[in-house]
Amino acid sequence: MKKTAIGSIVLLAILAVVWVGAVGAADYPTKRLTYVICFNPGGESDITARFQEQPLKKYFGQDVVITYKIGGGGALGWSELVQAKPDGYTIAGHNLPHTILQPMEMDNAGYKTLDLKQIYFFESTPDVLMVRNDSPYKTLKDFIEAAKKNPGSFTVGGSGSSSANDLGTAMLNKAAGIKLTYVPFAGTGSAVPALLGGHVTALMSYSPMVIQYKEQFRFLAIASEQRMEIIRDVPTFRELGYDVVEGAYRGVAAPPGTPDNIIKYLADAFDKTMKDPEVKKKMDQNGFKTEFLGPEESLALVKKKTVEYEAIMKELGRLKKK
């Protein structure tokens, strides 16, 4: 066969692939989107998804169904996501540091960090240490002094293992020279009743809790570099003398192999949603810091935080043995 004929066949094959991809993009979406939350209802991931639900339906042009896959501090949901069909109709709420720390710490998390195809990161929330309003601990100083006298007996609840709450508690242990016992729950939605019921001494939770539970809880410190404007009365750990800066990033991810054009479509829908004035207002009023990170920026953040967390986990002696 002549070279020109071979060249023509190759060109036609390439054009056919491009044409099929273009048709696929033009046809998407044609059915509802399943938006999986990997934690209990009532937590930050769920609250944000509910803010997003109606605008997403408008920008996606199809129904959006929020479902829950609870277990393993989110690992069950993410392990199922990476096995899902990569057609753009199944996505999941995506949390850092969880999806970095779990594969680092667990023998088999069911997924690898970079298996998750990044769509968009839309918020961040720093850790906050809180006790009940009737707690004898009025300040962080009171809490730490009492914890030093009772090593291991102070229990601190939080959302999941290998999470920002777990890591924030470990960092406070190291910074203050104390031994708090971390108790993981399936999400903030189940951790809060544990503190209300007196089943744990404190919670390491997130900034939105300051707004939602200001009548029931006392907030001792926030793990941000600077005080948050909406909750100016909560001091940072750093200003109180403890180098603890930690929190969660939340966004959405798709199964590996999801086409880039579909990822872009989804990212654009989330970008429009997060810039919707009503959504932005709800986020601000509820203690969330809104982020606007598309697929490339999200992937860069994941890679950057992976390096940072590996160093932190090594320092804390929590890296799993190879």
C-alpha atoms as a PDB file:
ATOM      1  CA  MET A   1       0.000   0.000   0.000  1.00  0.00           C
ATOM      2  CA  LYS A   2       1.341   3.431  -0.905  1.00  0.00           C
ATOM      3  CA  LYS A   3       2.387   5.885   1.811  1.00  0.00           C
ATOM      4  CA  THR A   4      -0.208   8.413   0.654  1.00  0.00           C
ATOM      5  CA  ALA A   5      -2.993   5.843   1.059  1.00  0.00           C
ATOM      6  CA  ILE A   6      -1.751   4.867   4.524  1.00  0.00           C
ATOM      7  CA  GLY A   7      -1.571   8.532   5.453  1.00  0.00           C
ATOM      8  CA  SER A   8      -5.150   9.093   4.287  1.00  0.00           C
ATOM      9  CA  ILE A   9      -6.414   6.135   6.341  1.00  0.00           C
ATOM     10  CA  VAL A  10      -4.624   7.408   9.485  1.00  0.00           C
ATOM     11  CA  LEU A  11      -6.019  10.906   8.934  1.00  0.00           C
ATOM     12  CA  LEU A  12      -9.545   9.559   8.498  1.00  0.00           C
ATOM     13  CA  ALA A  13      -9.172   7.514  11.707  1.00  0.00           C
ATOM     14  CA  ILE A  14      -8.043  10.589  13.649  1.00  0.00           C
ATOM     15  CA  LEU A  15     -10.905  12.672  12.258  1.00  0.00           C
ATOM     16  CA  ALA A  16     -13.373   9.911  13.187  1.00  0.00           C
ATOM     17  CA  VAL A  17     -12.157   9.928  16.820  1.00  0.00           C
ATOM     18  CA  VAL A  18     -12.395  13.733  16.968  1.00  0.00           C
ATOM     19  CA  TRP A  19     -15.887  13.635  15.423  1.00  0.00           C
ATOM     20  CA  VAL A  20     -17.116  10.998  17.890  1.00  0.00           C
ATOM     21  CA  GLY A  21     -15.739  13.084  20.803  1.00  0.00           C
ATOM     22  CA  ALA A  22     -17.456  16.190  19.465  1.00  0.00           C
ATOM     23  CA  VAL A  23     -20.767  14.338  19.135  1.00  0.00           C
ATOM     24  CA  GLY A  24     -20.398  13.027  22.701  1.00  0.00           C
ATOM     25  CA  ALA A  25     -19.812  16.532  24.020  1.00  0.00           C
ATOM     26  CA  ALA A  26     -22.784  17.891  22.068  1.00  0.00           C
ATOM     27  CA  ASP A  27     -25.066  15.167  23.483  1.00  0.00           C
ATOM     28  CA  TYR A  28     -24.038  15.729  27.113  1.00  0.00           C
ATOM     29  CA  PRO A  29     -25.961  15.940  29.396  1.00  0.00           C
ATOM     30  CA  THR A  30     -29.092  13.976  28.515  1.00  0.00           C
ATOM     31  CA  LYS A  31     -30.068  12.617  31.946  1.00  0.00           C
ATOM     32  CA  ARG A  32     -29.872  13.363  35.641  1.00  0.00           C
ATOM     33  CA  LEU A  33     -26.630  13.794  37.556  1.00  0.00           C
ATOM     34  CA  THR A  34     -25.955  11.756  40.712  1.00  0.00           C
ATOM     35  CA  TYR A  35     -24.038  13.826  43.278  1.00  0.00           C
ATOM     36  CA  VAL A  36     -22.681  11.509  45.990  1.00  0.00           C
ATOM     37  CA  ILE A  37     -21.935  12.828  49.484  1.00  0.00           C
ATOM     38  CA  CYS A  38     -19.497  10.548  51.334  1.00  0.00           C
ATOM     39  CA  PHE A  39     -20.529  11.643  54.842  1.00  0.00           C
ATOM     40  CA  ASN A  40     -23.632  11.832  57.023  1.00  0.00           C
ATOM     41  CA  PRO A  41     -26.430  14.265  56.181  1.00  0.00           C
ATOM     42  CA  GLY A  42     -26.120  17.507  58.122  1.00  0.00           C
ATOM     43  CA  GLY A  43     -22.355  17.975  57.732  1.00  0.00           C
ATOM     44  CA  GLU A  44     -20.526  20.605  55.715  1.00  0.00           C
ATOM     45  CA  SER A  45     -20.454  18.575  52.485  1.00  0.00           C
ATOM     46  CA  ASP A  46     -24.201  18.016  52.667  1.00  0.00           C
ATOM     47  CA  ILE A  47     -25.008  21.614  53.615  1.00  0.00           C
ATOM     48  CA  THR A  48     -23.028  22.958  50.658  1.00  0.00           C
ATOM     49  CA  ALA A  49     -24.571  20.449  48.246  1.00  0.00           C
ATOM     50  CA  ARG A  50     -28.013  21.646  49.326  1.00  0.00           C
ATOM     51  CA  PHE A  51     -26.985  25.258  48.628  1.00  0.00           C
ATOM     52  CA  GLN A  52     -25.811  24.143  45.178  1.00  0.00           C
ATOM     53  CA  GLU A  53     -28.683  21.827  44.266  1.00  0.00           C
ATOM     54  CA  GLN A  54     -31.143  24.203  42.572  1.00  0.00           C
ATOM     55  CA  PRO A  55     -28.559  26.365  40.724  1.00  0.00           C
ATOM     56  CA  LEU A  56     -26.802  23.194  39.519  1.00  0.00           C
ATOM     57  CA  LYS A  57     -30.072  21.939  38.047  1.00  0.00           C
ATOM     58  CA  LYS A  58     -30.396  25.217  36.175  1.00  0.00           C
ATOM     59  CA  TYR A  59     -26.833  25.269  34.839  1.00  0.00           C
ATOM     60  CA  PHE A  60     -26.608  21.509  34.238  1.00  0.00           C
ATOM     61  CA  GLY A  61     -29.951  21.515  32.436  1.00  0.00           C
ATOM     62  CA  GLN A  62     -30.980  18.232  34.075  1.00  0.00           C
ATOM     63  CA  ASP A  63     -32.099  16.981  37.460  1.00  0.00           C
ATOM     64  CA  VAL A  64     -29.410  16.656  40.163  1.00  0.00           C
ATOM     65  CA  VAL A  65     -29.936  13.931  42.771  1.00  0.00           C
ATOM     66  CA  ILE A  66     -27.949  14.089  46.025  1.00  0.00           C
ATOM     67  CA  THR A  67     -27.260  10.647  47.517  1.00  0.00           C
ATOM     68  CA  TYR A  68     -25.160   9.393  50.445  1.00  0.00           C
ATOM     69  CA  LYS A  69     -22.473   6.716  50.629  1.00  0.00           C
ATOM     70  CA  ILE A  70     -21.277   6.641  54.239  1.00  0.00           C
ATOM     71  CA  GLY A  71     -18.353   4.658  55.619  1.00  0.00           C
ATOM     72  CA  GLY A  72     -14.633   4.707  56.305  1.00  0.00           C
ATOM     73  CA  GLY A  73     -14.515   8.486  56.800  1.00  0.00           C
ATOM     74  CA  GLY A  74     -15.482   8.943  53.148  1.00  0.00           C
ATOM     75  CA  ALA A  75     -13.270   6.140  51.807  1.00  0.00           C
ATOM     76  CA  LEU A  76     -16.237   3.926  50.904  1.00  0.00           C
ATOM     77  CA  GLY A  77     -17.761   6.598  48.685  1.00  0.00           C
ATOM     78  CA  TRP A  78     -14.477   7.447  46.976  1.00  0.00           C
ATOM     79  CA  SER A  79     -13.561   3.792  46.422  1.00  0.00           C
ATOM     80  CA  GLU A  80     -16.917   3.321  44.680  1.00  0.00           C
ATOM     81  CA  LEU A  81     -16.496   6.528  42.690  1.00  0.00           C
ATOM     82  CA  VAL A  82     -13.266   5.306  41.067  1.00  0.00           C
ATOM     83  CA  GLN A  83     -15.152   2.186  39.898  1.00  0.00           C
ATOM     84  CA  ALA A  84     -18.110   4.145  38.493  1.00  0.00           C
ATOM     85  CA  LYS A  85     -18.760   4.595  34.793  1.00  0.00           C
ATOM     86  CA  PRO A  86     -16.760   7.634  33.577  1.00  0.00           C
ATOM     87  CA  ASP A  87     -19.627   9.167  31.617  1.00  0.00           C
ATOM     88  CA  GLY A  88     -20.105  12.388  33.591  1.00  0.00           C
ATOM     89  CA  TYR A  89     -23.305  11.321  35.332  1.00  0.00           C
ATOM     90  CA  THR A  90     -21.776  10.299  38.681  1.00  0.00           C
ATOM     91  CA  ILE A  91     -19.657  12.685  40.734  1.00  0.00           C
ATOM     92  CA  ALA A  92     -18.802  12.825  44.427  1.00  0.00           C
ATOM     93  CA  GLY A  93     -18.025  15.457  47.002  1.00  0.00           C
ATOM     94  CA  HIS A  94     -14.251  15.519  47.369  1.00  0.00           C
ATOM     95  CA  ASN A  95     -12.409  16.479  50.577  1.00  0.00           C
ATOM     96  CA  LEU A  96      -8.837  17.401  51.384  1.00  0.00           C
ATOM     97  CA  PRO A  97      -6.890  16.270  53.330  1.00  0.00           C
ATOM     98  CA  HIS A  98      -8.997  13.088  53.505  1.00  0.00           C
ATOM     99  CA  THR A  99      -8.287  11.872  49.964  1.00  0.00           C
ATOM    100  CA  ILE A 100      -4.575  12.473  50.469  1.00  0.00           C
ATOM    101  CA  LEU A 101      -4.213  11.127  54.015  1.00  0.00           C
ATOM    102  CA  GLN A 102      -6.328   7.993  53.650  1.00  0.00           C
ATOM    103  CA  PRO A 103      -4.156   6.382  50.940  1.00  0.00           C
ATOM    104  CA  MET A 104      -1.075   7.469  52.942  1.00  0.00           C
ATOM    105  CA  GLU A 105      -2.244   5.905  56.212  1.00  0.00           C
ATOM    106  CA  MET A 106      -4.451   2.979  55.239  1.00  0.00           C
ATOM    107  CA  ASP A 107      -3.186  -0.337  53.919  1.00  0.00           C
ATOM    108  CA  ASN A 108      -5.973  -0.270  51.349  1.00  0.00           C
ATOM    109  CA  ALA A 109      -8.132   2.822  51.138  1.00  0.00           C
ATOM    110  CA  GLY A 110      -9.838   1.439  48.018  1.00  0.00           C
ATOM    111  CA  TYR A 111      -8.549   4.250  45.847  1.00  0.00           C
ATOM    112  CA  LYS A 112      -5.440   6.323  45.184  1.00  0.00           C
ATOM    113  CA  THR A 113      -5.369  10.097  45.520  1.00  0.00           C
ATOM    114  CA  LEU A 114      -4.801  10.755  41.829  1.00  0.00           C
ATOM    115  CA  ASP A 115      -7.484   8.240  40.801  1.00  0.00           C
ATOM    116  CA  LEU A 116     -10.025  10.985  41.516  1.00  0.00           C
ATOM    117  CA  LYS A 117     -10.398  13.228  38.476  1.00  0.00           C
ATOM    118  CA  GLN A 118     -10.609  16.795  39.684  1.00  0.00           C
ATOM    119  CA  ILE A 119     -13.564  18.951  38.669  1.00  0.00           C
ATOM    120  CA  TYR A 120     -13.699  21.914  41.057  1.00  0.00           C
ATOM    121  CA  PHE A 121     -12.835  22.990  44.605  1.00  0.00           C
ATOM    122  CA  PHE A 122     -15.464  25.397  45.910  1.00  0.00           C
ATOM    123  CA  GLU A 123     -14.806  25.960  49.625  1.00  0.00           C
ATOM    124  CA  SER A 124     -12.426  25.719  52.546  1.00  0.00           C
ATOM    125  CA  THR A 125     -13.137  25.584  56.289  1.00  0.00           C
ATOM    126  CA  PRO A 126     -10.526  25.785  59.071  1.00  0.00           C
ATOM    127  CA  ASP A 127     -10.679  23.481  62.085  1.00  0.00           C
ATOM    128  CA  VAL A 128     -12.266  24.827  65.262  1.00  0.00           C
ATOM    129  CA  LEU A 129     -11.896  23.348  68.774  1.00  0.00           C
ATOM    130  CA  MET A 130     -15.161  23.552  70.719  1.00  0.00           C
ATOM    131  CA  VAL A 131     -16.693  22.448  74.015  1.00  0.00           C
ATOM    132  CA  ARG A 132     -20.229  22.637  75.387  1.00  0.00           C
ATOM    133  CA  ASN A 133     -21.352  25.935  76.877  1.00  0.00           C
ATOM    134  CA  ASP A 134     -21.566  24.317  80.316  1.00  0.00           C
ATOM    135  CA  SER A 135     -18.006  22.977  80.076  1.00  0.00           C
ATOM    136  CA  PRO A 136     -15.626  24.008  82.870  1.00  0.00           C
ATOM    137  CA  TYR A 137     -13.057  24.978  80.212  1.00  0.00           C
ATOM    138  CA  LYS A 138     -13.544  28.648  79.408  1.00  0.00           C
ATOM    139  CA  THR A 139     -10.393  29.122  77.327  1.00  0.00           C
ATOM    140  CA  LEU A 140      -7.870  27.083  75.346  1.00  0.00           C
ATOM    141  CA  LYS A 141      -5.437  27.594  78.232  1.00  0.00           C
ATOM    142  CA  ASP A 142      -7.912  26.008  80.672  1.00  0.00           C
ATOM    143  CA  PHE A 143      -8.471  23.082  78.320  1.00  0.00           C
ATOM    144  CA  ILE A 144      -4.772  22.391  77.733  1.00  0.00           C
ATOM    145  CA  GLU A 145      -3.828  22.679  81.419  1.00  0.00           C
ATOM    146  CA  ALA A 146      -6.551  20.172  82.342  1.00  0.00           C
ATOM    147  CA  ALA A 147      -5.565  17.838  79.485  1.00  0.00           C
ATOM    148  CA  LYS A 148      -1.954  17.815  80.729  1.00  0.00           C
ATOM    149  CA  LYS A 149      -3.156  16.598  84.130  1.00  0.00           C
ATOM    150  CA  ASN A 150      -5.275  13.847  82.537  1.00  0.00           C
ATOM    151  CA  PRO A 151      -3.296  12.413  79.589  1.00  0.00           C
ATOM    152  CA  GLY A 152      -5.439  10.322  77.258  1.00  0.00           C
ATOM    153  CA  SER A 153      -8.690  10.868  79.156  1.00  0.00           C
ATOM    154  CA  PHE A 154      -9.839  13.898  77.141  1.00  0.00           C
ATOM    155  CA  THR A 155     -11.760  12.699  74.079  1.00  0.00           C
ATOM    156  CA  VAL A 156     -12.040  14.886  70.998  1.00  0.00           C
ATOM    157  CA  GLY A 157     -14.629  13.939  68.392  1.00  0.00           C
ATOM    158  CA  GLY A 158     -14.340  14.794  64.732  1.00  0.00           C
ATOM    159  CA  SER A 159     -15.403  13.930  61.212  1.00  0.00           C
ATOM    160  CA  GLY A 160     -13.629  10.771  60.030  1.00  0.00           C
ATOM    161  CA  SER A 161     -10.164   9.295  60.403  1.00  0.00           C
ATOM    162  CA  SER A 162      -7.282  10.665  58.315  1.00  0.00           C
ATOM    163  CA  SER A 163      -9.222  13.913  58.077  1.00  0.00           C
ATOM    164  CA  ALA A 164      -8.556  17.575  58.814  1.00  0.00           C
ATOM    165  CA  ASN A 165     -10.172  17.131  62.246  1.00  0.00           C
ATOM    166  CA  ASP A 166      -8.013  14.086  63.002  1.00  0.00           C
ATOM    167  CA  LEU A 167      -4.857  15.824  61.823  1.00  0.00           C
ATOM    168  CA  GLY A 168      -5.710  19.069  63.646  1.00  0.00           C
ATOM    169  CA  THR A 169      -6.086  17.117  66.895  1.00  0.00           C
ATOM    170  CA  ALA A 170      -2.735  15.374  66.330  1.00  0.00           C
ATOM    171  CA  MET A 171      -1.073  18.723  65.599  1.00  0.00           C
ATOM    172  CA  LEU A 172      -2.485  20.216  68.809  1.00  0.00           C
ATOM    173  CA  ASN A 173      -1.207  17.213  70.783  1.00  0.00           C
ATOM    174  CA  LYS A 174       2.283  17.841  69.450  1.00  0.00           C
ATOM    175  CA  ALA A 175       2.207  21.641  69.754  1.00  0.00           C
ATOM    176  CA  ALA A 176       0.850  21.640  73.327  1.00  0.00           C
ATOM    177  CA  GLY A 177       2.589  18.505  74.603  1.00  0.00           C
ATOM    178  CA  ILE A 178      -0.699  16.832  75.517  1.00  0.00           C
ATOM    179  CA  LYS A 179      -2.422  13.535  74.725  1.00  0.00           C
ATOM    180  CA  LEU A 180      -5.983  13.951  73.456  1.00  0.00           C
ATOM    181  CA  THR A 181      -7.833  10.817  72.324  1.00  0.00           C
ATOM    182  CA  TYR A 182      -9.391  11.399  68.906  1.00  0.00           C
ATOM    183  CA  VAL A 183     -12.794   9.773  68.278  1.00  0.00           C
ATOM    184  CA  PRO A 184     -13.793   9.579  64.595  1.00  0.00           C
ATOM    185  CA  PHE A 185     -17.438   9.875  63.554  1.00  0.00           C
ATOM    186  CA  ALA A 186     -19.051   9.261  60.170  1.00  0.00           C
ATOM    187  CA  GLY A 187     -19.321  13.016  59.644  1.00  0.00           C
ATOM    188  CA  THR A 188     -19.976  16.308  61.417  1.00  0.00           C
ATOM    189  CA  GLY A 189     -23.668  15.436  61.394  1.00  0.00           C
ATOM    190  CA  SER A 190     -23.061  12.588  63.865  1.00  0.00           C
ATOM    191  CA  ALA A 191     -20.161  14.197  65.767  1.00  0.00           C
ATOM    192  CA  VAL A 192     -22.247  17.165  66.957  1.00  0.00           C
ATOM    193  CA  PRO A 193     -24.861  15.057  68.844  1.00  0.00           C
ATOM    194  CA  ALA A 194     -21.991  13.236  70.570  1.00  0.00           C
ATOM    195  CA  LEU A 195     -20.770  16.494  72.088  1.00  0.00           C
ATOM    196  CA  LEU A 196     -24.295  17.694  72.864  1.00  0.00           C
ATOM    197  CA  GLY A 197     -24.888  14.410  74.680  1.00  0.00           C
ATOM    198  CA  GLY A 198     -21.635  14.654  76.633  1.00  0.00           C
ATOM    199  CA  HIS A 199     -20.144  11.544  75.023  1.00  0.00           C
ATOM    200  CA  VAL A 200     -16.895  13.377  74.165  1.00  0.00           C
ATOM    201  CA  THR A 201     -15.020  16.156  75.956  1.00  0.00           C
ATOM    202  CA  ALA A 202     -14.721  18.377  72.895  1.00  0.00           C
ATOM    203  CA  LEU A 203     -15.009  18.487  69.123  1.00  0.00           C
ATOM    204  CA  MET A 204     -12.441  19.414  66.525  1.00  0.00           C
ATOM    205  CA  SER A 205     -14.851  20.522  63.839  1.00  0.00           C
ATOM    206  CA  TYR A 206     -15.105  23.307  61.246  1.00  0.00           C
ATOM    207  CA  SER A 207     -15.828  27.042  61.079  1.00  0.00           C
ATOM    208  CA  PRO A 208     -19.510  26.717  60.001  1.00  0.00           C
ATOM    209  CA  MET A 209     -20.230  25.143  63.397  1.00  0.00           C
ATOM    210  CA  VAL A 210     -19.497  28.530  65.016  1.00  0.00           C
ATOM    211  CA  ILE A 211     -22.481  30.003  63.181  1.00  0.00           C
ATOM    212  CA  GLN A 212     -24.815  27.038  63.554  1.00  0.00           C
ATOM    213  CA  TYR A 213     -24.180  26.198  67.215  1.00  0.00           C
ATOM    214  CA  LYS A 214     -23.216  29.482  68.854  1.00  0.00           C
ATOM    215  CA  GLU A 215     -25.895  28.995  71.543  1.00  0.00           C
ATOM    216  CA  GLN A 216     -24.819  25.461  72.504  1.00  0.00           C
ATOM    217  CA  PHE A 217     -21.026  25.466  72.176  1.00  0.00           C
ATOM    218  CA  ARG A 218     -18.037  27.504  73.331  1.00  0.00           C
ATOM    219  CA  PHE A 219     -15.338  27.935  70.680  1.00  0.00           C
ATOM    220  CA  LEU A 220     -11.817  27.898  72.091  1.00  0.00           C
ATOM    221  CA  ALA A 221      -9.651  28.444  68.990  1.00  0.00           C
ATOM    222  CA  ILE A 222      -9.663  28.319  65.201  1.00  0.00           C
ATOM    223  CA  ALA A 223      -6.881  26.728  63.120  1.00  0.00           C
ATOM    224  CA  SER A 224      -6.587  29.499  60.523  1.00  0.00           C
ATOM    225  CA  GLU A 225      -3.655  31.819  59.935  1.00  0.00           C
ATOM    226  CA  GLN A 226      -5.837  34.825  60.756  1.00  0.00           C
ATOM    227  CA  ARG A 227      -9.218  35.262  62.427  1.00  0.00           C
ATOM    228  CA  MET A 228     -12.220  34.809  60.134  1.00  0.00           C
ATOM    229  CA  GLU A 229     -14.139  38.038  59.570  1.00  0.00           C
ATOM    230  CA  ILE A 230     -17.576  36.538  60.248  1.00  0.00           C
ATOM    231  CA  ILE A 231     -16.423  35.008  63.566  1.00  0.00           C
ATOM    232  CA  ARG A 232     -13.944  37.622  64.781  1.00  0.00           C
ATOM    233  CA  ASP A 233     -14.377  36.664  68.445  1.00  0.00           C
ATOM    234  CA  VAL A 234     -12.760  33.233  67.999  1.00  0.00           C
ATOM    235  CA  PRO A 235      -8.954  33.494  68.430  1.00  0.00           C
ATOM    236  CA  THR A 236      -6.500  31.523  66.317  1.00  0.00           C
ATOM    237  CA  PHE A 237      -4.346  28.778  67.808  1.00  0.00           C
ATOM    238  CA  ARG A 238      -1.294  30.708  66.603  1.00  0.00           C
ATOM    239  CA  GLU A 239      -2.132  33.887  68.481  1.00  0.00           C
ATOM    240  CA  LEU A 240      -2.586  31.750  71.594  1.00  0.00           C
ATOM    241  CA  GLY A 241       0.898  30.280  71.142  1.00  0.00           C
ATOM    242  CA  TYR A 242       0.251  26.991  69.290  1.00  0.00           C
ATOM    243  CA  ASP A 243       1.289  26.481  65.678  1.00  0.00           C
ATOM    244  CA  VAL A 244      -1.832  24.674  64.484  1.00  0.00           C
ATOM    245  CA  VAL A 245      -3.128  25.657  61.039  1.00  0.00           C
ATOM    246  CA  GLU A 246      -5.355  23.026  59.433  1.00  0.00           C
ATOM    247  CA  GLY A 247      -8.727  22.636  57.768  1.00  0.00           C
ATOM    248  CA  ALA A 248     -10.597  21.066  54.891  1.00  0.00           C
ATOM    249  CA  TYR A 249     -10.989  21.892  51.216  1.00  0.00           C
ATOM    250  CA  ARG A 250     -14.174  20.626  49.582  1.00  0.00           C
ATOM    251  CA  GLY A 251     -15.026  20.170  45.961  1.00  0.00           C
ATOM    252  CA  VAL A 252     -16.173  17.543  43.495  1.00  0.00           C
ATOM    253  CA  ALA A 253     -14.416  14.787  41.592  1.00  0.00           C
ATOM    254  CA  ALA A 254     -15.303  12.315  38.831  1.00  0.00           C
ATOM    255  CA  PRO A 255     -14.228   8.742  38.051  1.00  0.00           C
ATOM    256  CA  PRO A 256     -10.863   8.300  36.313  1.00  0.00           C
ATOM    257  CA  GLY A 257     -11.216   8.310  32.540  1.00  0.00           C
ATOM    258  CA  THR A 258     -14.024  10.882  32.458  1.00  0.00           C
ATOM    259  CA  PRO A 259     -13.463  12.870  29.217  1.00  0.00           C
ATOM    260  CA  ASP A 260     -11.900  16.309  29.619  1.00  0.00           C
ATOM    261  CA  ASN A 261     -14.722  18.033  27.727  1.00  0.00           C
ATOM    262  CA  ILE A 262     -17.257  16.642  30.204  1.00  0.00           C
ATOM    263  CA  ILE A 263     -15.049  17.683  33.137  1.00  0.00           C
ATOM    264  CA  LYS A 264     -14.957  21.198  31.692  1.00  0.00           C
ATOM    265  CA  TYR A 265     -18.742  21.245  31.320  1.00  0.00           C
ATOM    266  CA  LEU A 266     -19.174  20.207  34.953  1.00  0.00           C
ATOM    267  CA  ALA A 267     -16.540  22.673  36.174  1.00  0.00           C
ATOM    268  CA  ASP A 268     -18.305  25.502  34.331  1.00  0.00           C
ATOM    269  CA  ALA A 269     -21.621  24.512  35.955  1.00  0.00           C
ATOM    270  CA  PHE A 270     -20.038  24.567  39.433  1.00  0.00           C
ATOM    271  CA  ASP A 271     -18.254  27.843  38.695  1.00  0.00           C
ATOM    272  CA  LYS A 272     -21.539  29.515  37.716  1.00  0.00           C
ATOM    273  CA  THR A 273     -23.230  27.993  40.754  1.00  0.00           C
ATOM    274  CA  MET A 274     -20.604  29.241  43.200  1.00  0.00           C
ATOM    275  CA  LYS A 275     -20.752  32.728  41.645  1.00  0.00           C
ATOM    276  CA  ASP A 276     -24.533  32.802  41.966  1.00  0.00           C
ATOM    277  CA  PRO A 277     -25.203  35.733  44.374  1.00  0.00           C
ATOM    278  CA  GLU A 278     -27.645  33.732  46.489  1.00  0.00           C
ATOM    279  CA  VAL A 279     -25.223  30.798  46.878  1.00  0.00           C
ATOM    280  CA  LYS A 280     -22.317  33.134  47.703  1.00  0.00           C
ATOM    281  CA  LYS A 281     -24.454  34.883  50.334  1.00  0.00           C
ATOM    282  CA  LYS A 282     -25.382  31.563  51.995  1.00  0.00           C
ATOM    283  CA  MET A 283     -21.764  30.433  51.994  1.00  0.00           C
ATOM    284  CA  ASP A 284     -20.566  33.650  53.659  1.00  0.00           C
ATOM    285  CA  GLN A 285     -23.352  33.709  56.232  1.00  0.00           C
ATOM    286  CA  ASN A 286     -22.676  30.110  57.243  1.00  0.00           C
ATOM    287  CA  GLY A 287     -18.921  30.391  57.824  1.00  0.00           C
ATOM    288  CA  PHE A 288     -17.643  28.844  54.582  1.00  0.00           C
ATOM    289  CA  LYS A 289     -14.752  30.408  52.672  1.00  0.00           C
ATOM    290  CA  THR A 290     -15.675  30.207  48.989  1.00  0.00           C
ATOM    291  CA  GLU A 291     -13.015  29.005  46.545  1.00  0.00           C
ATOM    292  CA  PHE A 292     -13.117  29.051  42.742  1.00  0.00           C
ATOM    293  CA  LEU A 293     -10.642  26.417  41.578  1.00  0.00           C
ATOM    294  CA  GLY A 294     -11.161  24.743  38.194  1.00  0.00           C
ATOM    295  CA  PRO A 295      -9.792  21.333  37.124  1.00  0.00           C
ATOM    296  CA  GLU A 296      -6.162  22.367  36.536  1.00  0.00           C
ATOM    297  CA  GLU A 297      -5.971  24.533  39.674  1.00  0.00           C
ATOM    298  CA  SER A 298      -7.618  21.761  41.716  1.00  0.00           C
ATOM    299  CA  LEU A 299      -5.088  19.184  40.527  1.00  0.00           C
ATOM    300  CA  ALA A 300      -2.237  21.586  41.329  1.00  0.00           C
ATOM    301  CA  LEU A 301      -3.656  22.064  44.840  1.00  0.00           C
ATOM    302  CA  VAL A 302      -3.887  18.290  45.385  1.00  0.00           C
ATOM    303  CA  LYS A 303      -0.270  17.777  44.321  1.00  0.00           C
ATOM    304  CA  LYS A 304       0.941  20.688  46.464  1.00  0.00           C
ATOM    305  CA  LYS A 305      -0.950  19.507  49.555  1.00  0.00           C
ATOM    306  CA  THR A 306       0.280  15.930  49.037  1.00  0.00           C
ATOM    307  CA  VAL A 307       3.879  17.111  49.461  1.00  0.00           C
ATOM    308  CA  GLU A 308       2.935  19.205  52.522  1.00  0.00           C
ATOM    309  CA  TYR A 309       0.959  16.408  54.198  1.00  0.00           C
ATOM    310  CA  GLU A 310       3.638  13.818  53.581  1.00  0.00           C
ATOM    311  CA  ALA A 311       6.080  16.023  55.502  1.00  0.00           C
ATOM    312  CA  ILE A 312       3.575  16.609  58.339  1.00  0.00           C
ATOM    313  CA  MET A 313       2.672  12.927  58.619  1.00  0.00           C
ATOM    314  CA  LYS A 314       6.340  11.971  58.688  1.00  0.00           C
ATOM    315  CA  GLU A 315       6.943  14.475  61.487  1.00  0.00           C
ATOM    316  CA  LEU A 316       3.978  13.054  63.434  1.00  0.00           C
ATOM    317  CA  GLY A 317       5.181   9.490  62.843  1.00  0.00           C
ATOM    318  CA  ARG A 318       1.958   8.517  61.070  1.00  0.00           C
ATOM    319  CA  LEU A 319       3.158   7.450  57.634  1.00  0.00           C
ATOM    320  CA  LYS A 320       2.300   3.805  56.981  1.00  0.00           C
ATOM    321  CA  LYS A 321       5.235   1.440  56.614  1.00  0.00           C
ATOM    322  CA  LYS A 322       6.052   0.577  53.010  1.00  0.00           C
END
